[in-house]
């Protein structure tokens, strides 16, 4: 339907589709801001990833700006400098990471004795296919070989829920612009009876972090709660279990003479252009 120009608006397309399909390039691409972040997750229980220095080396070798430039058309994603974006309650401008420090990454890895040619498996879904190549190339600079493993939706999330992964690509959409749901599901130790840690595929398990996460979730004073969330996010960042890569926009295609207003592509947001 899209290729035969039978549509006027396509509500969501991937960056790779826009780059690779000539038909899409004849449309106007609308980039709407999304409160979401894409991460590289690391299972902290799997050797050699159980060594903090190895995880920190991976964090340092990834050049986020270069990766965004290779994967996305200009202006359609931002390199992630922190675990959550500035729109999310809990963000702190002091908790910034830059990446792209090959010397530091190599020095950290050398300290661990991890041999060149060490292989790690990377689980991903089709929608992340365009970023796998740049990520593999970045990590290869410190002598670690990445073996990409493509999964369908169900098998991917089964592996996440069972913490069977080594490395994995995923995104978290902050439907509520607050860090607590992310921390509850992704960082808290697994506690199925209370619905905590359900997507903790990194297998993080830290009683002190759990206590702070729960304390922040129940704190009613905004100023105190912000301080608690910032403290937790700083501690999570220091573990290097979830490496923020970038914050993508939601890409939509719009054909003349239509336009989209507001922050979402819904029928009521489609207008005729003036």
Protein backbone atom coordinates (compact mmCIF):
# COMPACT_ATOMS: atom_id res chain seq x y z
CA UNK A 1 0.00 0.00 0.00
CA UNK A 2 2.82 2.39 0.87
CA UNK A 3 4.76 1.68 -2.33
CA UNK A 4 1.62 2.10 -4.44
CA UNK A 5 0.89 5.46 -2.76
CA UNK A 6 -2.43 4.23 -1.35
CA UNK A 7 -1.62 5.71 2.07
CA UNK A 8 -1.34 9.27 3.29
CA UNK A 9 0.20 8.68 6.73
CA UNK A 10 2.31 5.82 8.06
CA UNK A 11 2.40 6.16 11.83
CA UNK A 12 5.68 4.39 12.62
CA UNK A 13 8.64 3.27 10.52
CA UNK A 14 12.21 2.34 11.35
CA UNK A 15 15.22 4.46 10.49
CA UNK A 16 16.65 1.64 8.39
CA UNK A 17 13.44 1.56 6.33
CA UNK A 18 13.67 5.28 5.63
CA UNK A 19 17.34 4.96 4.63
CA UNK A 20 16.98 1.83 2.49
CA UNK A 21 13.69 2.31 0.62
CA UNK A 22 13.51 4.85 -2.14
CA UNK A 23 9.71 5.01 -1.90
CA UNK A 24 9.95 6.24 1.70
CA UNK A 25 12.38 8.98 0.73
CA UNK A 26 9.75 10.65 -1.46
CA UNK A 27 7.60 11.22 1.63
CA UNK A 28 8.10 13.83 4.30
CA UNK A 29 9.65 12.14 7.32
CA UNK A 30 8.25 13.46 10.60
CA UNK A 31 10.41 12.88 13.68
CA UNK A 32 8.37 13.18 16.87
CA UNK A 33 10.13 13.17 20.24
CA UNK A 34 9.83 9.98 22.27
CA UNK A 35 10.70 9.54 25.92
CA UNK A 36 12.61 6.33 25.27
CA UNK A 37 16.17 5.04 25.41
CA UNK A 38 17.84 2.14 23.62
CA UNK A 39 20.36 0.14 25.68
CA UNK A 40 22.98 -2.53 25.38
CA UNK A 41 22.25 -4.88 28.28
CA UNK A 42 24.98 -7.02 29.86
CA UNK A 43 24.39 -10.14 31.94
CA UNK A 44 26.62 -9.48 34.96
CA UNK A 45 26.74 -13.17 35.94
CA UNK A 46 28.28 -14.51 32.71
CA UNK A 47 32.11 -14.69 32.47
CA UNK A 48 33.95 -12.60 31.45
CA UNK A 49 31.11 -10.07 31.81
CA UNK A 50 30.98 -10.73 35.55
CA UNK A 51 34.14 -8.59 35.78
CA UNK A 52 33.18 -4.92 36.20
CA UNK A 53 36.25 -3.85 34.22
CA UNK A 54 35.07 -5.76 31.15
CA UNK A 55 31.66 -4.08 31.29
CA UNK A 56 33.27 -0.69 31.79
CA UNK A 57 35.55 -1.36 28.81
CA UNK A 58 32.48 -2.03 26.65
CA UNK A 59 30.88 1.17 27.90
CA UNK A 60 33.98 3.17 27.02
CA UNK A 61 34.64 1.72 23.58
CA UNK A 62 31.18 2.57 22.19
CA UNK A 63 31.19 5.94 20.44
CA UNK A 64 27.52 6.93 20.72
CA UNK A 65 27.75 9.93 18.39
CA UNK A 66 29.42 7.90 15.67
CA UNK A 67 26.88 5.11 16.06
CA UNK A 68 23.91 7.48 15.78
CA UNK A 69 25.43 9.07 12.65
CA UNK A 70 25.81 5.63 11.05
CA UNK A 71 22.36 4.32 11.97
CA UNK A 72 20.00 7.32 11.80
CA UNK A 73 19.31 10.10 9.33
CA UNK A 74 20.32 13.52 10.74
CA UNK A 75 18.17 14.77 13.62
CA UNK A 76 16.32 11.51 14.18
CA UNK A 77 18.14 10.28 17.29
CA UNK A 78 20.39 11.66 20.01
CA UNK A 79 23.37 9.94 21.64
CA UNK A 80 22.42 8.89 25.17
CA UNK A 81 24.59 10.58 27.77
CA UNK A 82 22.81 9.03 30.76
CA UNK A 83 20.58 6.11 31.74
CA UNK A 84 17.44 8.22 31.40
CA UNK A 85 16.78 11.24 29.22
CA UNK A 86 16.39 14.77 30.65
CA UNK A 87 12.59 14.49 30.37
CA UNK A 88 12.51 11.66 32.93
CA UNK A 89 12.09 12.41 36.64
CA UNK A 90 15.31 11.17 38.21
CA UNK A 91 17.66 12.52 35.54
CA UNK A 92 20.78 14.30 36.75
CA UNK A 93 23.03 16.34 34.43
CA UNK A 94 26.06 15.26 36.48
CA UNK A 95 25.70 11.58 35.53
CA UNK A 96 26.99 11.82 31.98
CA UNK A 97 28.97 9.29 29.94
CA UNK A 98 30.77 10.02 26.72
CA UNK A 99 32.24 6.79 25.37
CA UNK A 100 34.54 6.54 22.39
CA UNK A 101 37.61 6.27 24.66
CA UNK A 102 39.46 3.40 22.99
CA UNK A 103 42.63 3.77 25.06
CA UNK A 104 40.78 3.55 28.37
CA UNK A 105 38.68 0.63 27.14
CA UNK A 106 41.76 -1.29 26.01
CA UNK A 107 43.59 -0.56 29.26
CA UNK A 108 40.67 -1.85 31.34
CA UNK A 109 40.40 -4.99 29.25
CA UNK A 110 44.14 -5.66 29.44
CA UNK A 111 43.90 -5.57 33.25
CA UNK A 112 41.37 -8.43 33.17
CA UNK A 113 43.48 -10.77 31.06
CA UNK A 114 40.62 -11.35 28.61
CA UNK A 115 42.25 -12.80 25.51
CA UNK A 116 41.86 -11.18 22.07
CA UNK A 117 39.31 -13.08 20.04
CA UNK A 118 37.01 -13.74 23.00
CA UNK A 119 33.50 -14.27 21.61
CA UNK A 120 30.27 -12.98 23.11
CA UNK A 121 26.71 -13.50 21.86
CA UNK A 122 24.44 -10.54 21.20
CA UNK A 123 20.67 -11.14 21.20
CA UNK A 124 18.57 -8.72 19.19
CA UNK A 125 15.30 -8.31 17.30
CA UNK A 126 14.86 -7.35 13.65
CA UNK A 127 14.09 -3.71 14.43
CA UNK A 128 17.63 -3.29 15.82
CA UNK A 129 19.33 -4.85 12.78
CA UNK A 130 20.76 -1.56 11.49
CA UNK A 131 22.66 -0.88 14.72
CA UNK A 132 24.18 -4.35 15.11
CA UNK A 133 26.95 -3.78 12.55
CA UNK A 134 28.25 -0.50 14.03
CA UNK A 135 28.07 -1.97 17.54
CA UNK A 136 29.97 -5.11 16.52
CA UNK A 137 32.62 -3.00 14.78
CA UNK A 138 33.07 -0.75 17.84
CA UNK A 139 33.58 -3.64 20.24
CA UNK A 140 35.94 -5.39 17.80
CA UNK A 141 38.38 -2.50 18.34
CA UNK A 142 39.30 -4.00 21.74
CA UNK A 143 39.59 -7.52 20.38
CA UNK A 144 36.19 -8.88 21.44
CA UNK A 145 34.23 -10.66 18.74
CA UNK A 146 30.46 -10.34 18.84
CA UNK A 147 28.21 -13.09 17.47
CA UNK A 148 24.79 -11.58 16.68
CA UNK A 149 21.78 -13.79 17.38
CA UNK A 150 18.52 -12.69 15.73
CA UNK A 151 15.36 -13.61 17.67
CA UNK A 152 11.66 -13.22 17.12
CA UNK A 153 9.74 -11.20 19.71
CA UNK A 154 8.58 -14.11 21.88
CA UNK A 155 11.89 -15.97 22.06
CA UNK A 156 13.77 -12.73 22.73
CA UNK A 157 11.62 -11.80 25.72
CA UNK A 158 11.62 -15.35 27.04
CA UNK A 159 15.42 -15.15 27.10
CA UNK A 160 15.27 -11.77 28.81
CA UNK A 161 12.88 -13.01 31.47
CA UNK A 162 15.07 -16.04 32.13
CA UNK A 163 18.34 -14.01 32.06
CA UNK A 164 19.76 -16.41 29.47
CA UNK A 165 21.46 -13.69 27.45
CA UNK A 166 25.06 -12.44 27.43
CA UNK A 167 24.57 -9.15 25.58
CA UNK A 168 21.19 -7.87 24.38
CA UNK A 169 19.73 -4.82 22.66
CA UNK A 170 16.44 -3.42 23.92
CA UNK A 171 14.55 -0.17 24.39
CA UNK A 172 12.58 1.16 27.31
CA UNK A 173 9.66 3.44 26.52
CA UNK A 174 8.98 5.71 29.50
CA UNK A 175 5.20 5.86 29.18
CA UNK A 176 5.31 7.73 32.48
CA UNK A 177 8.27 10.13 32.51
CA UNK A 178 9.56 8.72 35.78
CA UNK A 179 12.53 6.44 36.49
CA UNK A 180 10.77 4.23 39.05
CA UNK A 181 8.97 1.82 36.64
CA UNK A 182 12.25 1.30 34.77
CA UNK A 183 14.15 0.58 37.97
CA UNK A 184 11.38 -1.71 39.28
CA UNK A 185 11.33 -3.85 36.14
CA UNK A 186 14.92 -3.73 34.86
CA UNK A 187 17.21 -3.26 37.88
CA UNK A 188 15.48 -4.59 41.01
CA UNK A 189 16.32 -8.19 41.96
CA UNK A 190 13.76 -10.68 40.69
CA UNK A 191 10.73 -10.85 42.96
CA UNK A 192 7.86 -12.36 40.90
CA UNK A 193 5.35 -12.23 43.75
CA UNK A 194 5.64 -8.43 43.85
CA UNK A 195 6.16 -8.01 40.09
CA UNK A 196 9.68 -6.64 40.53
CA UNK A 197 12.69 -7.37 38.36
CA UNK A 198 10.55 -9.01 35.68
CA UNK A 199 12.87 -7.86 32.84
CA UNK A 200 16.11 -7.90 34.80
CA UNK A 201 17.95 -9.76 32.03
CA UNK A 202 21.26 -8.39 33.31
CA UNK A 203 20.71 -10.48 36.48
CA UNK A 204 21.57 -7.53 38.72
CA UNK A 205 21.04 -8.49 42.36
CA UNK A 206 21.98 -5.96 45.00
CA UNK A 207 20.00 -5.68 48.29
CA UNK A 208 21.17 -2.10 48.84
CA UNK A 209 19.96 -1.07 45.38
CA UNK A 210 16.66 -2.88 45.96
CA UNK A 211 16.14 -0.99 49.21
CA UNK A 212 16.80 2.39 47.56
CA UNK A 213 14.57 1.57 44.58
CA UNK A 214 11.68 0.69 46.86
CA UNK A 215 12.30 3.70 49.09
CA UNK A 216 12.22 6.03 46.08
CA UNK A 217 9.01 4.43 44.77
CA UNK A 218 7.21 5.05 48.08
CA UNK A 219 8.62 8.50 48.91
CA UNK A 220 5.91 11.18 48.66
CA UNK A 221 8.07 14.30 48.90
CA UNK A 222 9.17 15.24 45.38
CA UNK A 223 12.50 16.80 46.33
CA UNK A 224 13.55 13.83 48.45
CA UNK A 225 12.31 11.37 45.86
CA UNK A 226 14.33 13.09 43.10
CA UNK A 227 17.47 12.83 45.22
CA UNK A 228 16.83 9.12 45.85
CA UNK A 229 16.26 8.37 42.16
CA UNK A 230 19.40 10.28 41.17
CA UNK A 231 21.37 8.30 43.75
CA UNK A 232 19.99 4.99 42.47
CA UNK A 233 20.66 5.85 38.83
CA UNK A 234 24.24 6.85 39.69
CA UNK A 235 24.75 3.49 41.42
CA UNK A 236 23.22 1.62 38.47
CA UNK A 237 25.46 3.51 36.08
CA UNK A 238 28.51 2.46 38.09
CA UNK A 239 27.59 -1.21 37.61
CA UNK A 240 27.71 -0.85 33.81
CA UNK A 241 24.97 -3.48 33.38
CA UNK A 242 22.80 -1.31 31.13
CA UNK A 243 24.67 0.89 28.68
CA UNK A 244 22.49 3.68 27.24
CA UNK A 245 23.15 4.09 23.52
CA UNK A 246 20.74 6.66 22.14
CA UNK A 247 17.32 8.24 22.40
CA UNK A 248 15.45 7.71 19.11
CA UNK A 249 12.60 9.74 17.73
CA UNK A 250 9.41 8.11 16.49
CA UNK A 251 9.57 8.32 12.70
CA UNK A 252 6.41 8.66 10.61
CA UNK A 253 5.80 9.21 6.90
CA UNK A 254 3.38 11.89 5.74
CA UNK A 255 2.36 12.56 2.14
CA UNK A 256 1.26 15.92 0.76
CA UNK A 257 -1.01 17.73 1.47
CA UNK A 258 -1.14 16.44 5.03
CA UNK A 259 0.71 17.35 8.20
CA UNK A 260 0.88 16.01 11.77
CA UNK A 261 0.42 18.23 14.82
CA UNK A 262 1.16 17.41 18.44
CA UNK A 263 3.42 14.70 19.88
CA UNK A 264 1.62 11.60 18.54
CA UNK A 265 0.49 10.33 15.16
CA UNK A 266 -3.23 9.73 15.65
CA UNK A 267 -6.15 10.40 13.28
CA UNK A 268 -7.14 13.51 15.22
CA UNK A 269 -3.57 14.87 14.84
CA UNK A 270 -3.57 14.72 11.03
CA UNK A 271 -4.33 18.03 9.32
CA UNK A 272 -4.37 19.49 5.84
CA UNK A 273 -1.37 21.76 5.42
CA UNK A 274 -2.05 25.48 5.11
